[in-house]
Structure formats: C-alpha cells, structure tokens
Protein backbone atom coordinates (compact mmCIF):
# COMPACT_ATOMS: atom_id res chain seq x y z
CA MET A 1 -1.64 14.15 -53.50
CA PRO A 2 0.14 13.57 -50.20
CA THR A 3 3.69 14.80 -50.00
CA ILE A 4 6.55 13.61 -47.85
CA LYS A 5 9.75 15.38 -46.90
CA ILE A 6 13.01 13.49 -47.15
CA ASP A 7 16.31 15.26 -46.51
CA GLU A 8 14.62 18.67 -46.78
CA LYS A 9 13.09 17.84 -50.18
CA ASP A 10 9.37 17.38 -50.83
CA TYR A 11 8.17 14.38 -52.85
CA GLU A 12 4.70 13.43 -54.02
CA PHE A 13 4.13 10.00 -52.56
CA ASP A 14 2.17 8.71 -55.55
CA THR A 15 5.07 9.47 -57.89
CA LEU A 16 7.63 7.41 -55.92
CA SER A 17 8.80 4.15 -57.43
CA GLU A 18 7.70 0.91 -55.83
CA GLU A 19 11.27 0.42 -54.61
CA ALA A 20 11.29 3.86 -52.98
CA LYS A 21 7.89 3.18 -51.36
CA GLY A 22 9.23 -0.12 -50.04
CA GLN A 23 12.35 1.52 -48.62
CA LEU A 24 10.20 4.24 -47.03
CA ALA A 25 7.94 1.61 -45.44
CA MET A 26 10.96 -0.20 -44.01
CA LEU A 27 12.42 3.07 -42.72
CA GLN A 28 9.12 3.86 -40.98
CA PHE A 29 9.05 0.36 -39.49
CA VAL A 30 12.61 0.69 -38.18
CA ASP A 31 11.85 4.13 -36.71
CA GLY A 32 8.84 2.67 -34.91
CA GLU A 33 10.89 -0.23 -33.56
CA LEU A 34 13.58 2.16 -32.33
CA GLN A 35 10.93 4.18 -30.48
CA ARG A 36 9.48 1.00 -28.98
CA LEU A 37 12.92 -0.22 -27.87
CA THR A 38 13.81 3.17 -26.42
CA ALA A 39 10.63 3.08 -24.33
CA GLN A 40 11.33 -0.50 -23.29
CA THR A 41 14.89 0.45 -22.30
CA ALA A 42 13.54 3.25 -20.11
CA VAL A 43 11.17 0.81 -18.37
CA LEU A 44 13.97 -1.70 -17.80
CA GLN A 45 16.34 0.97 -16.46
CA THR A 46 13.67 2.10 -14.01
CA ALA A 47 13.11 -1.48 -12.87
CA ARG A 48 16.86 -2.02 -12.50
CA MET A 49 17.16 1.05 -10.27
CA ALA A 50 14.27 -0.20 -8.11
CA TYR A 51 15.83 -3.66 -7.77
CA SER A 52 19.21 -2.16 -6.95
CA LYS A 53 17.66 0.04 -4.26
CA ALA A 54 15.77 -2.93 -2.80
CA LEU A 55 18.95 -5.01 -2.80
CA ASN A 56 20.88 -2.31 -0.97
CA GLU A 57 18.11 -2.03 1.61
CA ALA A 58 18.03 -5.81 2.08
CA LEU A 59 21.81 -5.89 2.49
CA ALA A 60 21.72 -3.07 5.02
CA ALA A 61 19.01 -4.83 7.04
CA GLY A 62 20.58 -8.28 6.84
CA SER A 63 23.52 -9.89 8.49
CA THR A 64 27.10 -9.40 7.40
CA LEU A 65 30.15 -11.63 7.67
CA ASN A 66 32.05 -9.96 10.48
C-alpha cells in the first residue's frame, strides 16, 4: 500500500477517509497552482526588467524638455 507523510507522520493512503483524501487532493492542487504562479511571477518580473531597461534606453536616446 502506498504511504504518504503528513506532518512527519506516515499514513497508508488506502486507509484515509474519503474526506481526508479529498482534502489531500485539494492541498496537492493548491501546491501545484502555487508553483505555477511562482514560475509565472518570475517570468513577469523578468519581462518587467526588460521593459524598464528598454524604456530607460529610449528615454536616454530621445529628446528631453529643456
């Protein structure tokens, strides 16, 4: 039987209640979504830095109000 570890305790998956299995499934889903959003945040932060750099370069090359 497969076992899972929760809070440093081992449990046999097949012996968990349906409610516990449902909560575990939702916890796994949320963990996956958090990983996906963390990766998406990293991509967006990288893009933001690139746009900021490009803006600064465009401002330096363009005209100013003097």
